[in-house]
C-alpha atoms as a PDB file:
ATOM      1  CA  MET A   1      61.393-125.006 -87.181  1.00  0.00           C
ATOM      2  CA  ARG A   2      62.354-124.311 -83.598  1.00  0.00           C
ATOM      3  CA  LEU A   3      65.618-125.092 -81.837  1.00  0.00           C
ATOM      4  CA  ILE A   4      65.018-126.821 -78.497  1.00  0.00           C
ATOM      5  CA  TRP A   5      67.460-126.780 -75.607  1.00  0.00           C
ATOM      6  CA  GLY A   6      65.390-128.622 -73.000  1.00  0.00           C
ATOM      7  CA  ARG A   7      62.516-131.081 -73.178  1.00  0.00           C
ATOM      8  CA  TRP A   8      60.672-131.610 -76.465  1.00  0.00           C
ATOM      9  CA  ASN A   9      57.210-131.069 -74.915  1.00  0.00           C
ATOM     10  CA  LEU A  10      55.647-132.531 -78.062  1.00  0.00           C
ATOM     11  CA  GLU A  11      52.413-133.330 -76.194  1.00  0.00           C
ATOM     12  CA  ASP A  12      52.161-129.933 -74.522  1.00  0.00           C
ATOM     13  CA  ARG A  13      48.772-128.312 -75.183  1.00  0.00           C
ATOM     14  CA  LYS A  14      50.244-124.966 -76.263  1.00  0.00           C
ATOM     15  CA  VAL A  15      52.686-126.645 -78.636  1.00  0.00           C
ATOM     16  CA  ARG A  16      49.887-128.734 -80.167  1.00  0.00           C
ATOM     17  CA  GLU A  17      47.586-125.740 -80.565  1.00  0.00           C
ATOM     18  CA  ASP A  18      50.360-123.636 -82.103  1.00  0.00           C
ATOM     19  CA  TRP A  19      51.140-126.144 -84.860  1.00  0.00           C
ATOM     20  CA  ALA A  20      47.501-127.198 -85.387  1.00  0.00           C
ATOM     21  CA  GLN A  21      46.502-123.658 -86.389  1.00  0.00           C
ATOM     22  CA  ARG A  22      49.343-123.246 -88.877  1.00  0.00           C
ATOM     23  CA  PRO A  23      48.576-123.809 -92.576  1.00  0.00           C
ATOM     24  CA  SER A  24      50.110-126.623 -94.556  1.00  0.00           C
ATOM     25  CA  SER A  25      53.133-125.547 -96.586  1.00  0.00           C
ATOM     26  CA  ALA A  26      52.909-128.491 -99.003  1.00  0.00           C
ATOM     27  CA  VAL A  27      49.994-130.633-100.198  1.00  0.00           C
ATOM     28  CA  LEU A  28      49.655-133.661-102.474  1.00  0.00           C
ATOM     29  CA  ASP A  29      50.295-131.751-105.694  1.00  0.00           C
ATOM     30  CA  PHE A  30      53.814-130.936-104.454  1.00  0.00           C
ATOM     31  CA  ALA A  31      54.883-134.285-105.985  1.00  0.00           C
ATOM     32  CA  GLY A  32      57.296-133.660-108.832  1.00  0.00           C
ATOM     33  CA  ARG A  33      58.903-130.576-107.294  1.00  0.00           C
ATOM     34  CA  GLY A  34      62.358-130.164-105.802  1.00  0.00           C
ATOM     35  CA  ARG A  35      64.545-133.020-104.638  1.00  0.00           C
ATOM     36  CA  HIS A  36      63.302-136.569-105.048  1.00  0.00           C
ATOM     37  CA  ASP A  37      64.216-139.376-102.651  1.00  0.00           C
ATOM     38  CA  GLU A  38      63.011-142.942-102.956  1.00  0.00           C
ATOM     39  CA  TYR A  39      63.849-145.976-100.837  1.00  0.00           C
ATOM     40  CA  GLN A  40      62.520-149.526-100.987  1.00  0.00           C
ATOM     41  CA  PHE A  41      63.512-152.883 -99.584  1.00  0.00           C
ATOM     42  CA  GLU A  42      62.068-156.302 -98.899  1.00  0.00           C
ATOM     43  CA  LEU A  43      61.141-157.013 -95.291  1.00  0.00           C
ATOM     44  CA  SER A  44      62.617-160.162 -93.753  1.00  0.00           C
ATOM     45  CA  GLN A  45      60.081-162.778 -92.702  1.00  0.00           C
ATOM     46  CA  PRO A  46      60.544-163.875 -89.059  1.00  0.00           C
ATOM     47  CA  ALA A  47      60.489-167.623 -88.478  1.00  0.00           C
ATOM     48  CA  GLY A  48      56.955-168.891 -88.092  1.00  0.00           C
ATOM     49  CA  TRP A  49      55.348-165.769 -89.533  1.00  0.00           C
ATOM     50  CA  THR A  50      53.022-165.863 -92.511  1.00  0.00           C
ATOM     51  CA  MET A  51      53.225-163.146 -95.157  1.00  0.00           C
ATOM     52  CA  LYS A  52      49.848-161.898 -93.952  1.00  0.00           C
ATOM     53  CA  ARG A  53      51.179-161.479 -90.423  1.00  0.00           C
ATOM     54  CA  LEU A  54      54.291-159.681 -91.698  1.00  0.00           C
ATOM     55  CA  TYR A  55      52.195-157.349 -93.820  1.00  0.00           C
ATOM     56  CA  ASN A  56      49.779-156.570 -90.974  1.00  0.00           C
ATOM     57  CA  TRP A  57      52.621-155.930 -88.528  1.00  0.00           C
ATOM     58  CA  ALA A  58      54.465-153.619 -90.905  1.00  0.00           C
ATOM     59  CA  SER A  59      51.268-151.729 -91.747  1.00  0.00           C
ATOM     60  CA  GLU A  60      50.576-151.093 -88.070  1.00  0.00           C
ATOM     61  CA  GLU A  61      54.135-149.865 -87.556  1.00  0.00           C
ATOM     62  CA  ILE A  62      53.933-147.195 -90.229  1.00  0.00           C
ATOM     63  CA  LEU A  63      50.310-146.213 -89.486  1.00  0.00           C
ATOM     64  CA  HIS A  64      51.405-145.495 -85.901  1.00  0.00           C
ATOM     65  CA  TYR A  65      54.412-143.608 -87.320  1.00  0.00           C
ATOM     66  CA  ARG A  66      56.952-145.889 -85.706  1.00  0.00           C
ATOM     67  CA  VAL A  67      59.344-145.362 -88.584  1.00  0.00           C
ATOM     68  CA  PHE A  68      62.455-143.576 -87.280  1.00  0.00           C
ATOM     69  CA  PRO A  69      64.858-144.734 -84.555  1.00  0.00           C
ATOM     70  CA  THR A  70      64.671-142.777 -81.310  1.00  0.00           C
ATOM     71  CA  SER A  71      68.316-141.810 -81.833  1.00  0.00           C
ATOM     72  CA  ARG A  72      67.073-139.672 -84.771  1.00  0.00           C
ATOM     73  CA  MET A  73      63.558-138.616 -83.780  1.00  0.00           C
ATOM     74  CA  ARG A  74      60.970-138.517 -81.018  1.00  0.00           C
ATOM     75  CA  ALA A  75      57.470-138.405 -82.471  1.00  0.00           C
ATOM     76  CA  PHE A  76      53.911-137.829 -81.281  1.00  0.00           C
ATOM     77  CA  VAL A  77      50.822-138.547 -83.404  1.00  0.00           C
ATOM     78  CA  ASP A  78      48.086-136.214 -82.173  1.00  0.00           C
ATOM     79  CA  SER A  79      45.128-138.598 -82.411  1.00  0.00           C
ATOM     80  CA  PRO A  80      43.152-140.544 -79.772  1.00  0.00           C
ATOM     81  CA  ASN A  81      44.657-143.894 -80.800  1.00  0.00           C
ATOM     82  CA  SER A  82      48.097-142.536 -81.796  1.00  0.00           C
ATOM     83  CA  LYS A  83      47.354-143.635 -85.358  1.00  0.00           C
ATOM     84  CA  VAL A  84      47.537-141.487 -88.469  1.00  0.00           C
ATOM     85  CA  SER A  85      44.381-140.299 -90.186  1.00  0.00           C
ATOM     86  CA  ARG A  86      43.671-137.476 -92.605  1.00  0.00           C
ATOM     87  CA  GLY A  87      44.161-134.050 -91.000  1.00  0.00           C
ATOM     88  CA  VAL A  88      46.067-135.344 -87.959  1.00  0.00           C
ATOM     89  CA  THR A  89      49.250-133.528 -86.900  1.00  0.00           C
ATOM     90  CA  VAL A  90      52.466-135.504 -86.426  1.00  0.00           C
ATOM     91  CA  PHE A  91      54.948-133.766 -84.119  1.00  0.00           C
ATOM     92  CA  GLN A  92      58.661-134.424 -84.491  1.00  0.00           C
ATOM     93  CA  GLY A  93      61.536-133.804 -82.134  1.00  0.00           C
ATOM     94  CA  ILE A  94      64.608-134.342 -84.297  1.00  0.00           C
ATOM     95  CA  TYR A  95      68.224-134.821 -83.273  1.00  0.00           C
ATOM     96  CA  ILE A  96      70.588-133.206 -85.777  1.00  0.00           C
ATOM     97  CA  TRP A  97      73.846-132.906 -83.892  1.00  0.00           C
ATOM     98  CA  PRO A  98      74.554-130.463 -82.359  1.00  0.00           C
ATOM     99  CA  PHE A  99      70.957-129.257 -82.690  1.00  0.00           C
ATOM    100  CA  ARG A 100      67.567-130.431 -81.451  1.00  0.00           C
ATOM    101  CA  ILE A 101      64.679-129.241 -83.613  1.00  0.00           C
ATOM    102  CA  ARG A 102      60.899-129.334 -83.159  1.00  0.00           C
ATOM    103  CA  MET A 103      58.726-129.507 -86.282  1.00  0.00           C
ATOM    104  CA  ALA A 104      55.410-130.966 -87.460  1.00  0.00           C
ATOM    105  CA  ASP A 105      53.660-132.438 -90.495  1.00  0.00           C
ATOM    106  CA  ARG A 106      50.000-132.890 -91.397  1.00  0.00           C
ATOM    107  CA  ILE A 107      48.526-136.152 -92.707  1.00  0.00           C
ATOM    108  CA  LEU A 108      47.228-135.501 -96.216  1.00  0.00           C
ATOM    109  CA  ASP A 109      46.130-138.986 -97.208  1.00  0.00           C
ATOM    110  CA  VAL A 110      45.779-142.473 -95.743  1.00  0.00           C
ATOM    111  CA  PHE A 111      45.267-145.306 -98.193  1.00  0.00           C
ATOM    112  CA  GLU A 112      44.818-149.051 -98.443  1.00  0.00           C
ATOM    113  CA  GLY A 113      43.722-151.400-101.176  1.00  0.00           C
ATOM    114  CA  GLU A 114      43.942-154.864-102.636  1.00  0.00           C
ATOM    115  CA  ASP A 115      43.702-156.563-106.012  1.00  0.00           C
ATOM    116  CA  GLU A 116      44.633-159.968-107.370  1.00  0.00           C
ATOM    117  CA  ASP A 117      48.354-159.210-107.366  1.00  0.00           C
ATOM    118  CA  GLN A 118      48.963-156.909-104.409  1.00  0.00           C
ATOM    119  CA  LYS A 119      47.753-155.537-101.103  1.00  0.00           C
ATOM    120  CA  TRP A 120      48.950-152.148 -99.895  1.00  0.00           C
ATOM    121  CA  SER A 121      48.551-149.515 -97.184  1.00  0.00           C
ATOM    122  CA  GLY A 122      50.232-146.331 -96.118  1.00  0.00           C
ATOM    123  CA  PHE A 123      49.983-142.568 -95.817  1.00  0.00           C
ATOM    124  CA  THR A 124      51.328-139.278 -97.091  1.00  0.00           C
ATOM    125  CA  TYR A 125      52.070-136.243 -94.984  1.00  0.00           C
ATOM    126  CA  GLY A 126      53.028-132.709 -95.881  1.00  0.00           C
ATOM    127  CA  THR A 127      55.028-130.103 -94.052  1.00  0.00           C
ATOM    128  CA  ILE A 128      53.371-127.419 -91.937  1.00  0.00           C
ATOM    129  CA  GLN A 129      54.456-123.787 -92.117  1.00  0.00           C
ATOM    130  CA  GLY A 130      57.542-123.477 -89.916  1.00  0.00           C
ATOM    131  CA  HIS A 131      59.023-126.847 -90.861  1.00  0.00           C
ATOM    132  CA  ALA A 132      62.702-126.931 -91.839  1.00  0.00           C
ATOM    133  CA  GLU A 133      61.717-128.496 -95.158  1.00  0.00           C
ATOM    134  CA  LEU A 134      58.974-127.862 -97.668  1.00  0.00           C
ATOM    135  CA  GLY A 135      57.495-131.026 -99.146  1.00  0.00           C
ATOM    136  CA  ILE A 136      55.640-134.302 -98.829  1.00  0.00           C
ATOM    137  CA  GLU A 137      56.590-137.869 -97.962  1.00  0.00           C
ATOM    138  CA  THR A 138      54.800-141.168 -98.526  1.00  0.00           C
ATOM    139  CA  PHE A 139      55.283-144.350 -96.504  1.00  0.00           C
ATOM    140  CA  ARG A 140      53.910-147.557 -98.039  1.00  0.00           C
ATOM    141  CA  ILE A 141      53.774-151.281 -97.286  1.00  0.00           C
ATOM    142  CA  THR A 142      53.067-153.545-100.266  1.00  0.00           C
ATOM    143  CA  TRP A 143      52.414-157.283-100.198  1.00  0.00           C
ATOM    144  CA  ASP A 144      53.284-158.688-103.612  1.00  0.00           C
ATOM    145  CA  LYS A 145      51.279-161.888-103.764  1.00  0.00           C
ATOM    146  CA  LYS A 146      52.942-163.167-106.931  1.00  0.00           C
ATOM    147  CA  THR A 147      56.455-163.054-105.491  1.00  0.00           C
ATOM    148  CA  SER A 148      55.443-163.600-101.829  1.00  0.00           C
ATOM    149  CA  LYS A 149      57.338-160.475-100.790  1.00  0.00           C
ATOM    150  CA  VAL A 150      56.423-157.649 -98.428  1.00  0.00           C
ATOM    151  CA  LEU A 151      58.039-154.385 -99.488  1.00  0.00           C
ATOM    152  CA  TYR A 152      58.544-151.219 -97.471  1.00  0.00           C
ATOM    153  CA  SER A 153      58.984-147.988 -99.394  1.00  0.00           C
ATOM    154  CA  MET A 154      59.381-144.276 -98.781  1.00  0.00           C
ATOM    155  CA  GLU A 155      59.159-141.522-101.366  1.00  0.00           C
ATOM    156  CA  ALA A 156      59.725-137.815-100.727  1.00  0.00           C
ATOM    157  CA  TRP A 157      59.707-134.562-102.683  1.00  0.00           C
ATOM    158  CA  SER A 158      61.216-131.584-100.909  1.00  0.00           C
ATOM    159  CA  GLU A 159      62.853-128.171-100.972  1.00  0.00           C
ATOM    160  CA  PRO A 160      64.524-126.198 -98.169  1.00  0.00           C
ATOM    161  CA  GLY A 161      61.848-124.532 -96.044  1.00  0.00           C
ATOM    162  CA  HIS A 162      64.023-122.297 -93.872  1.00  0.00           C
ATOM    163  CA  TRP A 163      66.840-119.871 -94.659  1.00  0.00           C
ATOM    164  CA  LEU A 164      69.243-121.825 -92.426  1.00  0.00           C
ATOM    165  CA  ILE A 165      68.566-125.028 -94.365  1.00  0.00           C
ATOM    166  CA  ARG A 166      69.203-123.209 -97.650  1.00  0.00           C
ATOM    167  CA  LEU A 167      72.452-121.807 -96.238  1.00  0.00           C
ATOM    168  CA  LEU A 168      73.616-125.241 -95.071  1.00  0.00           C
ATOM    169  CA  GLU A 169      72.010-127.200 -97.913  1.00  0.00           C
ATOM    170  CA  PRO A 170      74.855-129.689 -98.658  1.00  0.00           C
ATOM    171  CA  TRP A 171      75.003-130.646 -94.960  1.00  0.00           C
ATOM    172  CA  ALA A 172      71.214-130.635 -94.568  1.00  0.00           C
ATOM    173  CA  ARG A 173      70.861-132.792 -97.671  1.00  0.00           C
ATOM    174  CA  ALA A 174      73.331-135.332 -96.302  1.00  0.00           C
ATOM    175  CA  VAL A 175      71.380-135.493 -93.029  1.00  0.00           C
ATOM    176  CA  GLN A 176      68.102-135.890 -94.939  1.00  0.00           C
ATOM    177  CA  LYS A 177      69.446-138.850 -96.932  1.00  0.00           C
ATOM    178  CA  LYS A 178      70.934-140.421 -93.812  1.00  0.00           C
ATOM    179  CA  ALA A 179      67.547-140.204 -92.062  1.00  0.00           C
ATOM    180  CA  GLY A 180      65.909-142.039 -94.974  1.00  0.00           C
ATOM    181  CA  ARG A 181      68.422-144.874 -94.753  1.00  0.00           C
ATOM    182  CA  GLU A 182      67.978-144.992 -90.981  1.00  0.00           C
ATOM    183  CA  ALA A 183      64.216-145.438 -91.382  1.00  0.00           C
ATOM    184  CA  MET A 184      64.768-148.425 -93.672  1.00  0.00           C
ATOM    185  CA  ASN A 185      67.319-149.982 -91.326  1.00  0.00           C
ATOM    186  CA  PHE A 186      65.121-149.340 -88.290  1.00  0.00           C
ATOM    187  CA  MET A 187      62.259-151.451 -89.645  1.00  0.00           C
ATOM    188  CA  GLU A 188      64.635-154.275 -90.457  1.00  0.00           C
ATOM    189  CA  SER A 189      66.285-154.096 -87.026  1.00  0.00           C
ATOM    190  CA  LYS A 190      62.879-154.447 -85.338  1.00  0.00           C
ATOM    191  CA  LEU A 191      62.155-157.554 -87.403  1.00  0.00           C
ATOM    192  CA  LYS A 192      65.539-158.988 -86.456  1.00  0.00           C
ATOM    193  CA  ASP A 193      64.752-158.446 -82.778  1.00  0.00           C
ATOM    194  CA  LEU A 194      61.388-160.186 -83.206  1.00  0.00           C
ATOM    195  CA  SER A 195      63.112-163.114 -84.921  1.00  0.00           C
ATOM    196  CA  GLU A 196      65.521-163.379 -81.979  1.00  0.00           C
ATOM    197  CA  GLY A 197      62.716-163.168 -79.437  1.00  0.00           C
ATOM    198  CA  LYS A 198      63.674-159.723 -78.153  1.00  0.00           C
ATOM    199  CA  PRO A 199      60.855-157.431 -76.871  1.00  0.00           C
END
Protein backbone atom coordinates (compact mmCIF):
# COMPACT_ATOMS: atom_id res chain seq x y z
CA MET A 1 0.00 0.00 0.00
CA ARG A 2 1.40 3.38 -0.94
CA LEU A 3 -0.10 6.81 -0.32
CA ILE A 4 -0.07 8.93 -3.48
CA TRP A 5 -0.13 12.71 -3.50
CA GLY A 6 0.21 13.33 -7.24
CA ARG A 7 -0.57 11.28 -10.33
CA TRP A 8 -1.33 7.56 -10.00
CA ASN A 9 1.22 6.54 -12.67
CA LEU A 10 -0.38 3.09 -12.77
CA GLU A 11 1.08 2.41 -16.24
CA ASP A 12 4.57 3.62 -15.36
CA ARG A 13 7.19 0.98 -16.17
CA LYS A 14 8.90 1.18 -12.77
CA VAL A 15 5.58 0.89 -10.93
CA ARG A 16 4.59 -2.13 -13.03
CA GLU A 17 7.95 -3.84 -12.53
CA ASP A 18 7.88 -3.18 -8.78
CA TRP A 19 4.51 -4.85 -8.25
CA ALA A 20 5.10 -7.62 -10.81
CA GLN A 21 8.10 -8.94 -8.87
CA ARG A 22 6.28 -9.00 -5.53
CA PRO A 23 4.87 -12.34 -4.33
CA SER A 24 1.17 -12.94 -3.92
CA SER A 25 -0.02 -12.52 -0.34
CA ALA A 26 -3.19 -14.59 -0.86
CA VAL A 27 -4.05 -17.44 -3.24
CA LEU A 28 -7.18 -19.48 -3.95
CA ASP A 29 -7.03 -21.48 -0.73
CA PHE A 30 -7.51 -18.25 1.24
CA ALA A 31 -11.28 -18.82 0.82
CA GLY A 32 -12.86 -19.43 4.21
CA ARG A 33 -10.51 -17.14 6.13
CA GLY A 34 -11.21 -13.76 7.70
CA ARG A 35 -14.13 -11.54 6.79
CA HIS A 36 -16.62 -12.74 4.22
CA ASP A 37 -18.50 -10.40 1.89
CA GLU A 38 -20.99 -11.50 -0.73
CA TYR A 39 -23.11 -9.41 -3.09
CA GLN A 40 -25.48 -10.48 -5.86
CA PHE A 41 -28.19 -8.85 -7.92
CA GLU A 42 -30.10 -9.35 -11.13
CA LEU A 43 -29.00 -7.20 -14.06
CA SER A 44 -31.71 -5.16 -15.77
CA GLN A 45 -32.34 -6.05 -19.40
CA PRO A 46 -32.17 -2.99 -21.71
CA ALA A 47 -35.01 -2.68 -24.20
CA GLY A 48 -34.32 -4.69 -27.32
CA TRP A 49 -31.54 -6.75 -25.75
CA THR A 50 -31.62 -10.53 -25.64
CA MET A 51 -30.41 -12.35 -22.53
CA LYS A 52 -27.44 -13.57 -24.56
CA ARG A 53 -26.46 -10.00 -25.40
CA LEU A 54 -26.83 -8.93 -21.76
CA TYR A 55 -24.72 -11.84 -20.58
CA ASN A 56 -21.99 -11.20 -23.16
CA TRP A 57 -21.89 -7.48 -22.36
CA ALA A 58 -21.66 -8.05 -18.62
CA SER A 59 -18.96 -10.70 -19.06
CA GLU A 60 -16.84 -8.32 -21.11
CA GLU A 61 -17.25 -5.60 -18.48
CA ILE A 62 -15.91 -7.71 -15.64
CA LEU A 63 -13.21 -9.44 -17.72
CA HIS A 64 -11.86 -5.98 -18.57
CA TYR A 65 -12.16 -5.08 -14.87
CA ARG A 66 -14.61 -2.27 -15.47
CA VAL A 67 -16.27 -2.92 -12.14
CA PHE A 68 -15.75 0.12 -9.89
CA PRO A 69 -16.83 3.73 -10.54
CA THR A 70 -14.00 6.14 -11.29
CA SER A 71 -15.03 8.11 -8.20
CA ARG A 72 -13.75 5.12 -6.16
CA MET A 73 -10.95 3.64 -8.27
CA ARG A 74 -8.73 4.09 -11.30
CA ALA A 75 -7.57 0.73 -12.62
CA PHE A 76 -5.07 -0.63 -15.14
CA VAL A 77 -5.02 -4.26 -16.31
CA ASP A 78 -1.43 -5.02 -17.34
CA SER A 79 -2.14 -7.17 -20.40
CA PRO A 80 -1.92 -6.47 -24.16
CA ASN A 81 -5.71 -6.38 -24.58
CA SER A 82 -6.49 -4.89 -21.14
CA LYS A 83 -8.31 -8.12 -20.31
CA VAL A 84 -7.73 -10.33 -17.29
CA SER A 85 -5.93 -13.64 -17.64
CA ARG A 86 -4.14 -15.88 -15.16
CA GLY A 87 -0.99 -14.24 -13.77
CA VAL A 88 -1.84 -10.72 -14.97
CA THR A 89 -1.42 -7.82 -12.53
CA VAL A 90 -4.32 -5.44 -11.93
CA PHE A 91 -3.21 -2.03 -10.64
CA GLN A 92 -5.55 0.06 -8.52
CA GLY A 93 -5.51 3.72 -7.66
CA ILE A 94 -8.10 4.03 -4.90
CA TYR A 95 -9.76 7.13 -3.49
CA ILE A 96 -10.38 6.78 0.25
CA TRP A 97 -10.94 10.32 1.42
CA PRO A 98 -8.72 12.01 2.42
CA PHE A 99 -6.22 9.48 1.07
CA ARG A 100 -5.22 8.22 -2.37
CA ILE A 101 -3.70 4.73 -2.31
CA ARG A 102 -1.92 2.65 -4.95
CA MET A 103 -2.17 -1.14 -4.71
CA ALA A 104 -2.29 -4.22 -6.95
CA ASP A 105 -3.77 -7.70 -7.24
CA ARG A 106 -2.81 -10.76 -9.28
CA ILE A 107 -5.28 -12.80 -11.34
CA LEU A 108 -5.40 -16.30 -9.88
CA ASP A 109 -8.11 -17.85 -12.02
CA VAL A 110 -10.30 -17.05 -15.02
CA PHE A 111 -13.25 -19.33 -15.63
CA GLU A 112 -16.21 -19.91 -17.91
CA GLY A 113 -18.60 -22.76 -18.45
CA GLU A 114 -22.06 -23.83 -19.51
CA ASP A 115 -24.53 -26.61 -18.81
CA GLU A 116 -28.22 -27.14 -19.44
CA ASP A 117 -29.27 -24.72 -16.71
CA GLN A 118 -26.62 -22.01 -16.61
CA LYS A 119 -23.79 -20.22 -18.36
CA TRP A 120 -21.12 -18.44 -16.34
CA SER A 121 -17.83 -16.55 -16.54
CA GLY A 122 -15.60 -14.57 -14.26
CA PHE A 123 -12.30 -14.41 -12.43
CA THR A 124 -10.65 -14.43 -9.03
CA TYR A 125 -7.76 -12.26 -7.97
CA GLY A 126 -5.60 -12.24 -4.88
CA THR A 127 -3.72 -9.48 -3.14
CA ILE A 128 -0.03 -8.86 -3.77
CA GLN A 129 2.40 -8.21 -0.93
CA GLY A 130 2.03 -4.53 -0.03
CA HIS A 131 -1.73 -4.39 -0.53
CA ALA A 132 -3.81 -2.77 2.22
CA GLU A 133 -5.81 -5.99 2.51
CA LEU A 134 -4.94 -9.65 2.53
CA GLY A 135 -7.38 -11.82 0.61
CA ILE A 136 -9.12 -12.86 -2.58
CA GLU A 137 -12.17 -11.67 -4.50
CA THR A 138 -14.27 -13.34 -7.19
CA PHE A 139 -16.39 -11.57 -9.80
CA ARG A 140 -18.94 -13.71 -11.65
CA ILE A 141 -21.67 -13.32 -14.27
CA THR A 142 -24.26 -16.11 -14.39
CA TRP A 143 -27.01 -16.58 -16.96
CA ASP A 144 -29.75 -18.67 -15.39
CA LYS A 145 -31.52 -20.16 -18.37
CA LYS A 146 -34.44 -21.54 -16.36
CA THR A 147 -35.42 -18.18 -14.90
CA SER A 148 -34.13 -16.04 -17.82
CA LYS A 149 -32.05 -13.94 -15.42
CA VAL A 150 -28.49 -12.65 -15.65
CA LEU A 151 -26.92 -12.34 -12.21
CA TYR A 152 -23.84 -10.39 -11.18
CA SER A 153 -22.06 -11.49 -8.02
CA MET A 154 -18.98 -10.67 -5.99
CA GLU A 155 -17.53 -12.72 -3.16
CA ALA A 156 -14.52 -11.77 -1.04
CA TRP A 157 -12.53 -13.19 1.86
CA SER A 158 -10.14 -10.79 3.54
CA GLU A 159 -8.10 -9.70 6.54
CA PRO A 160 -6.25 -6.42 7.18
CA GLY A 161 -2.93 -6.48 5.33
CA HIS A 162 -1.31 -3.36 6.78
CA TRP A 163 -0.87 -2.08 10.34
CA LEU A 164 -2.77 1.12 9.50
CA ILE A 165 -5.78 -0.88 8.30
CA ARG A 166 -5.73 -2.94 11.51
CA LEU A 167 -5.54 0.27 13.56
CA LEU A 168 -8.48 1.82 11.68
CA GLU A 169 -10.36 -1.44 11.11
CA PRO A 170 -13.95 -0.24 11.85
CA TRP A 171 -13.50 2.66 9.40
CA ALA A 172 -11.64 0.52 6.85
CA ARG A 173 -14.34 -2.14 7.07
CA ALA A 174 -17.06 0.43 6.41
CA VAL A 175 -15.16 1.68 3.34
CA GLN A 176 -14.68 -1.90 2.12
CA LYS A 177 -18.42 -2.64 2.34
CA LYS A 178 -19.28 0.66 0.68
CA ALA A 179 -16.96 -0.17 -2.24
CA GLY A 180 -18.75 -3.50 -2.73
CA ARG A 181 -22.13 -1.79 -2.91
CA GLU A 182 -20.70 0.81 -5.29
CA ALA A 183 -19.51 -1.93 -7.66
CA MET A 184 -23.02 -3.41 -7.78
CA ASN A 185 -24.62 -0.01 -8.36
CA PHE A 186 -22.04 0.92 -10.99
CA MET A 187 -22.95 -2.02 -13.24
CA GLU A 188 -26.63 -1.18 -12.94
CA SER A 189 -26.02 2.51 -13.67
CA LYS A 190 -24.18 1.60 -16.89
CA LEU A 191 -27.13 -0.53 -18.00
CA LYS A 192 -29.50 2.34 -17.23
CA ASP A 193 -27.40 4.66 -19.39
CA LEU A 194 -27.47 2.12 -22.24
CA SER A 195 -31.25 1.84 -21.92
CA GLU A 196 -31.52 5.64 -22.17
CA GLY A 197 -29.19 5.78 -25.15
CA LYS A 198 -26.34 7.47 -23.29
CA PRO A 199 -22.74 6.70 -24.41
